[in-house]
Amino acid sequence: MNELLTANDLERSGRAMEKLSAADEAKFERMLAESKSPQERAYLMKALAAGYDVKEVGEFREKIHGKDQYWLQEHLTPVTTAGDSMKDEGLADDGRAKNTDEQMFYGENWSQEGNTCVPSTVVTGRAMVDPVYALELTGGPSGQESDDAAFRSRLHDEQLRLHEEGDGDNEYDFPFGSTPDGMDNDGKTTISNKEISPHTGSEYELQEVRSADERRDALPDIEKAVAEGKPVPIGVEGKEDGDRVGHSMMIVGQEGDMLQIYNPWGTTTWVSEDDFVNGNMGKASRGSLSDAYAVHVPAE
């Protein structure tokens, strides 16, 4: 469940290599041959699949060359899956599943600040498919940092950048700025297509799934997308104190009849496909956020 190269990575990297000039192909083959581990080779292939040219891949390679597999995973893979992560340990008092995996870079989670769940989801989604971008966030300009506070600062800046890119709402306006206060589905479509699609080759289309039948009908497309390595943004909603509340998460994996959900609170949780269909998505966040109402599915 922690494969570095997805089916989409393999297909896109293969197509990219076919288009290389003889000189660039030789340079890239030399990088692969000189890699110090299978993991290093895989991340170079993943960078090529993400759309970077050989010069850019070479610059990325200089930053990761010779690093051990643990450093590479920590800096280049924002979401990993623990071996016992699918075990059912019941529910907490607020309705969320007790068995969740925290997704961290050293002491900091890959998590949102304030009401930035949409851009935060997209930031992590892009980092999952684009290791060059992931390293910019974790390792800084040099690519060599292991500073969790600096990572948090860069992650925060990216969340705000995407909030503006998607024309997100702001709660208050101050002389020194404003407080993010959510983003609509049009904004989510915009930033998903600007930030993730160039690195997977598939644009996202909004699909409303406000009934059990609509969610069931959407499952084959969701399963296909995540099997290929294309994360699927999802909107969930519910009621708190009589008011509508909403949240953005992302489907990042599928195994059997289970879906792995990344929550921008910094966790991943497995829920069943029946949970998705029948309004039990609160297991991945909290009980009041139970109903999936929209997914952004990659188009063919």
Protein backbone atom coordinates (compact mmCIF):
# COMPACT_ATOMS: atom_id res chain seq x y z
CA MET A 1 0.00 0.00 0.00
CA ASN A 2 3.06 2.26 0.00
CA GLU A 3 4.17 1.81 -3.60
CA LEU A 4 6.15 4.81 -4.80
CA LEU A 5 5.23 4.53 -8.47
CA THR A 6 1.55 4.39 -9.35
CA ALA A 7 0.12 3.03 -12.57
CA ASN A 8 -0.25 6.60 -13.79
CA ASP A 9 3.38 7.38 -12.92
CA LEU A 10 4.57 4.38 -14.92
CA GLU A 11 2.46 5.30 -17.93
CA ARG A 12 3.39 9.01 -17.90
CA SER A 13 7.10 8.41 -17.29
CA GLY A 14 7.18 5.88 -20.12
CA ARG A 15 5.54 8.34 -22.51
CA ALA A 16 7.89 11.10 -21.37
CA MET A 17 10.97 8.94 -22.02
CA GLU A 18 9.75 8.16 -25.52
CA LYS A 19 9.72 11.90 -26.26
CA LEU A 20 13.23 12.63 -24.95
CA SER A 21 16.04 13.53 -27.30
CA ALA A 22 18.88 11.02 -27.49
CA ALA A 23 21.06 13.30 -25.34
CA ASP A 24 18.40 13.79 -22.68
CA GLU A 25 17.58 10.10 -22.66
CA ALA A 26 21.24 9.30 -22.05
CA LYS A 27 21.39 11.85 -19.20
CA PHE A 28 18.30 10.43 -17.56
CA GLU A 29 19.45 6.83 -17.93
CA ARG A 30 22.74 7.82 -16.30
CA MET A 31 20.87 9.35 -13.35
CA LEU A 32 18.95 6.11 -12.90
CA ALA A 33 22.09 3.99 -13.18
CA GLU A 34 23.94 6.11 -10.61
CA SER A 35 21.08 6.08 -8.09
CA LYS A 36 22.04 4.70 -4.71
CA SER A 37 18.77 2.87 -4.07
CA PRO A 38 15.62 1.63 -5.78
CA GLN A 39 13.73 4.37 -3.92
CA GLU A 40 15.93 7.09 -5.39
CA ARG A 41 15.36 5.71 -8.89
CA ALA A 42 11.61 5.58 -8.27
CA TYR A 43 11.45 9.23 -7.18
CA LEU A 44 13.38 10.27 -10.31
CA MET A 45 10.84 8.40 -12.43
CA LYS A 46 8.02 10.01 -10.44
CA ALA A 47 9.49 13.48 -11.06
CA LEU A 48 9.63 12.77 -14.81
CA ALA A 49 6.03 11.51 -14.68
CA ALA A 50 5.02 14.73 -12.90
CA GLY A 51 6.01 16.70 -15.98
CA TYR A 52 9.50 17.98 -15.22
CA ASP A 53 12.13 18.09 -17.96
CA VAL A 54 15.48 16.33 -17.67
CA LYS A 55 17.27 19.50 -16.50
CA GLU A 56 14.71 19.97 -13.70
CA VAL A 57 14.86 16.30 -12.77
CA GLY A 58 18.65 16.63 -12.62
CA GLU A 59 18.39 19.54 -10.20
CA PHE A 60 16.00 17.48 -8.07
CA ARG A 61 18.37 14.52 -8.25
CA GLU A 62 21.25 16.59 -6.86
CA LYS A 63 19.15 17.30 -3.77
CA ILE A 64 18.15 13.69 -3.07
CA HIS A 65 21.15 11.72 -4.37
CA GLY A 66 22.46 9.23 -1.85
CA LYS A 67 19.79 9.87 0.79
CA ASP A 68 18.56 6.78 2.61
CA GLN A 69 15.03 5.45 2.17
CA TYR A 70 13.80 6.96 5.43
CA TRP A 71 14.95 10.47 4.53
CA LEU A 72 13.41 10.09 1.09
CA GLN A 73 10.08 8.92 2.50
CA GLU A 74 9.99 11.67 5.13
CA HIS A 75 10.73 14.45 2.63
CA LEU A 76 8.99 13.21 -0.52
CA THR A 77 5.94 11.19 0.55
CA PRO A 78 3.41 13.17 2.60
CA VAL A 79 1.02 10.24 3.11
CA THR A 80 2.15 6.79 4.23
CA THR A 81 0.06 3.85 5.40
CA ALA A 82 0.75 1.88 8.56
CA GLY A 83 0.39 -1.89 8.44
CA ASP A 84 -2.40 -1.94 11.03
CA SER A 85 -4.24 1.10 9.70
CA MET A 86 -7.24 -0.91 8.46
CA LYS A 87 -7.94 -2.50 11.84
CA ASP A 88 -11.36 -1.54 13.22
CA GLU A 89 -10.82 -0.10 16.70
CA GLY A 90 -14.29 1.40 17.05
CA LEU A 91 -15.39 5.01 17.30
CA ALA A 92 -14.46 7.88 19.58
CA ASP A 93 -17.17 9.86 21.39
CA ASP A 94 -17.35 12.43 18.57
CA GLY A 95 -17.98 9.74 15.95
CA ARG A 96 -14.55 9.60 14.35
CA ALA A 97 -12.67 6.31 13.97
CA LYS A 98 -10.17 5.68 16.74
CA ASN A 99 -7.70 4.10 14.33
CA THR A 100 -6.20 6.95 12.33
CA ASP A 101 -2.69 7.53 10.99
CA GLU A 102 -1.09 10.89 11.65
CA GLN A 103 0.70 12.22 8.58
CA MET A 104 3.71 14.19 9.76
CA PHE A 105 6.98 15.77 8.74
CA TYR A 106 8.99 15.30 11.90
CA GLY A 107 7.00 17.18 14.57
CA GLU A 108 4.45 18.87 12.29
CA ASN A 109 1.38 17.40 10.62
CA TRP A 110 0.45 17.86 6.99
CA SER A 111 -2.54 19.83 8.27
CA GLN A 112 -4.54 22.97 7.69
CA GLU A 113 -4.43 26.22 9.61
CA GLY A 114 -7.73 28.03 10.07
CA ASN A 115 -10.55 27.42 7.61
CA THR A 116 -8.31 26.31 4.76
CA CYS A 117 -9.49 22.72 4.34
CA VAL A 118 -9.92 23.03 0.55
CA PRO A 119 -6.51 24.52 -0.30
CA SER A 120 -4.83 22.36 2.35
CA THR A 121 -6.31 19.23 0.78
CA VAL A 122 -5.07 20.30 -2.64
CA VAL A 123 -1.57 21.18 -1.36
CA THR A 124 -1.15 17.69 0.08
CA GLY A 125 -2.75 16.10 -2.98
CA ARG A 126 -0.21 17.80 -5.24
CA ALA A 127 2.66 16.82 -2.94
CA MET A 128 1.53 13.19 -3.24
CA VAL A 129 1.91 13.20 -7.05
CA ASP A 130 4.77 15.73 -7.39
CA PRO A 131 7.92 14.90 -5.38
CA VAL A 132 9.70 18.05 -6.55
CA TYR A 133 6.96 20.15 -4.96
CA ALA A 134 6.94 17.96 -1.84
CA LEU A 135 10.68 18.61 -1.38
CA GLU A 136 10.20 22.36 -1.79
CA LEU A 137 7.79 22.24 1.14
CA THR A 138 9.78 19.90 3.38
CA GLY A 139 13.40 20.59 2.46
CA GLY A 140 13.22 24.25 1.58
CA PRO A 141 15.20 25.96 -1.22
CA SER A 142 18.24 23.74 -0.63
CA GLY A 143 16.15 20.59 -0.33
CA GLN A 144 18.27 19.59 2.66
CA GLU A 145 16.29 20.96 5.60
CA SER A 146 14.66 18.78 8.23
CA ASP A 147 13.17 21.71 10.15
CA ASP A 148 9.55 21.12 11.11
CA ALA A 149 8.93 24.78 12.04
CA ALA A 150 10.20 25.96 8.64
CA PHE A 151 8.04 23.31 6.97
CA ARG A 152 4.99 24.59 8.85
CA SER A 153 5.70 28.13 7.67
CA ARG A 154 6.04 27.07 4.03
CA LEU A 155 2.94 24.88 4.24
CA HIS A 156 0.96 27.78 5.72
CA ASP A 157 2.11 30.10 2.92
CA GLU A 158 1.05 27.57 0.27
CA GLN A 159 -2.34 27.11 1.87
CA LEU A 160 -2.90 30.88 1.75
CA ARG A 161 -1.58 31.09 -1.83
CA LEU A 162 -4.07 28.49 -3.02
CA HIS A 163 -6.83 30.14 -0.98
CA GLU A 164 -6.28 33.30 -3.02
CA GLU A 165 -5.84 31.34 -6.26
CA GLY A 166 -9.26 29.74 -5.72
CA ASP A 167 -10.89 33.06 -4.77
CA GLY A 168 -11.67 31.76 -1.30
CA ASP A 169 -13.81 33.67 1.17
CA ASN A 170 -12.33 35.73 3.97
CA GLU A 171 -14.01 36.14 7.33
CA TYR A 172 -12.54 39.47 8.37
CA ASP A 173 -10.52 42.13 6.62
CA PHE A 174 -7.79 43.80 8.64
CA PRO A 175 -5.17 46.37 7.69
CA PHE A 176 -2.60 43.54 7.72
CA GLY A 177 -4.70 40.93 5.90
CA SER A 178 -7.73 38.70 6.27
CA THR A 179 -8.73 35.37 7.80
CA PRO A 180 -9.57 32.53 5.36
CA ASP A 181 -13.16 31.34 5.69
CA GLY A 182 -13.81 28.54 3.24
CA MET A 183 -13.95 28.01 -0.53
CA ASP A 184 -16.76 26.90 -2.82
CA ASN A 185 -16.70 24.03 -5.31
CA ASP A 186 -15.82 26.31 -8.22
CA GLY A 187 -12.73 27.37 -6.33
CA LYS A 188 -11.89 23.76 -5.53
CA THR A 189 -12.19 22.85 -9.21
CA THR A 190 -9.94 25.78 -10.17
CA ILE A 191 -7.11 24.98 -7.78
CA SER A 192 -7.31 21.20 -8.30
CA ASN A 193 -6.89 21.74 -12.03
CA LYS A 194 -4.12 24.32 -11.64
CA GLU A 195 -2.14 22.48 -8.98
CA ILE A 196 -2.72 18.73 -9.38
CA SER A 197 -3.86 18.10 -12.96
CA PRO A 198 -0.62 19.19 -14.70
CA HIS A 199 1.20 16.48 -12.76
CA THR A 200 -1.28 13.66 -13.40
CA GLY A 201 -2.51 14.53 -16.89
CA SER A 202 -6.20 14.48 -15.93
CA GLU A 203 -8.45 17.45 -15.29
CA TYR A 204 -11.01 17.32 -12.52
CA GLU A 205 -14.75 17.52 -12.99
CA LEU A 206 -17.21 18.25 -10.19
CA GLN A 207 -19.77 15.50 -9.60
CA GLU A 208 -22.52 16.08 -7.05
CA VAL A 209 -23.39 12.96 -5.03
CA ARG A 210 -26.22 14.00 -2.75
CA SER A 211 -27.95 10.62 -2.52
CA ALA A 212 -26.91 7.07 -1.79
CA ASP A 213 -27.62 6.10 -5.40
CA GLU A 214 -25.46 8.92 -6.77
CA ARG A 215 -22.61 8.00 -4.43
CA ARG A 216 -22.87 4.34 -5.44
CA ASP A 217 -22.80 5.31 -9.11
CA ALA A 218 -19.65 7.41 -8.54
CA LEU A 219 -17.70 4.58 -6.87
CA PRO A 220 -16.32 2.93 -10.05
CA ASP A 221 -14.81 6.24 -11.21
CA ILE A 222 -13.38 6.90 -7.75
CA GLU A 223 -11.87 3.41 -7.53
CA LYS A 224 -10.32 3.72 -10.99
CA ALA A 225 -8.83 7.13 -10.22
CA VAL A 226 -7.18 6.20 -6.94
CA ALA A 227 -5.99 2.86 -8.34
CA GLU A 228 -4.14 4.85 -11.01
CA GLY A 229 -2.67 7.20 -8.40
CA LYS A 230 -4.94 10.20 -8.90
CA PRO A 231 -6.33 11.58 -5.62
CA VAL A 232 -10.04 12.44 -5.53
CA PRO A 233 -11.16 15.56 -3.59
CA ILE A 234 -14.38 15.03 -1.67
CA GLY A 235 -16.77 17.38 0.10
CA VAL A 236 -18.68 16.27 3.20
CA GLU A 237 -21.39 18.05 5.15
CA GLY A 238 -23.75 17.77 8.09
CA LYS A 239 -25.48 19.77 10.81
CA GLU A 240 -24.17 21.26 14.06
CA ASP A 241 -26.54 23.16 16.32
CA GLY A 242 -28.99 23.28 13.42
CA ASP A 243 -26.51 24.92 11.04
CA ARG A 244 -24.97 23.37 7.96
CA VAL A 245 -21.25 22.58 8.27
CA GLY A 246 -18.93 21.38 5.54
CA HIS A 247 -15.42 20.07 5.15
CA SER A 248 -13.04 19.06 2.35
CA MET A 249 -11.06 15.83 2.37
CA MET A 250 -9.46 13.59 -0.26
CA ILE A 251 -9.75 9.94 -1.22
CA VAL A 252 -6.18 8.74 -1.66
CA GLY A 253 -6.40 4.95 -1.64
CA GLN A 254 -8.66 1.96 -2.18
CA GLU A 255 -8.20 -1.61 -1.00
CA GLY A 256 -10.94 -4.22 -1.32
CA ASP A 257 -14.13 -2.49 -0.17
CA MET A 258 -12.26 0.21 1.79
CA LEU A 259 -11.40 3.81 0.91
CA GLN A 260 -8.48 5.68 2.48
CA ILE A 261 -9.38 9.26 3.34
CA TYR A 262 -6.88 12.06 3.87
CA ASN A 263 -8.28 14.67 6.26
CA PRO A 264 -6.43 18.02 6.23
CA TRP A 265 -6.51 17.92 10.01
CA GLY A 266 -3.38 15.85 9.41
CA THR A 267 -4.69 12.27 9.42
CA THR A 268 -5.70 9.41 7.17
CA THR A 269 -8.50 6.96 7.98
CA TRP A 270 -9.97 3.95 6.21
CA VAL A 271 -13.74 3.89 5.78
CA SER A 272 -15.81 1.31 3.97
CA GLU A 273 -17.44 1.98 0.63
CA ASP A 274 -20.76 1.35 2.40
CA ASP A 275 -19.83 4.18 4.80
CA PHE A 276 -19.25 6.46 1.82
CA VAL A 277 -22.55 5.48 0.20
CA ASN A 278 -24.71 5.53 3.34
CA GLY A 279 -23.57 8.70 5.08
CA ASN A 280 -21.00 7.51 7.60
CA MET A 281 -18.09 9.65 6.46
CA GLY A 282 -17.84 11.15 9.93
CA LYS A 283 -15.48 8.28 10.73
CA ALA A 284 -12.78 10.21 8.87
CA SER A 285 -13.42 13.52 10.65
CA ARG A 286 -16.25 13.72 13.20
CA GLY A 287 -19.76 12.37 13.36
CA SER A 288 -21.49 15.59 12.32
CA LEU A 289 -19.67 15.60 8.95
CA SER A 290 -21.38 12.48 7.73
CA ASP A 291 -22.65 12.95 4.16
CA ALA A 292 -20.49 13.07 1.06
CA TYR A 293 -22.12 15.61 -1.25
CA ALA A 294 -19.53 16.19 -3.98
CA VAL A 295 -16.46 14.56 -5.50
CA HIS A 296 -13.99 15.89 -8.05
CA VAL A 297 -13.25 12.98 -10.36
CA PRO A 298 -10.40 13.05 -12.90
CA ALA A 299 -11.77 13.03 -16.42
CA GLU A 300 -10.41 10.64 -19.05
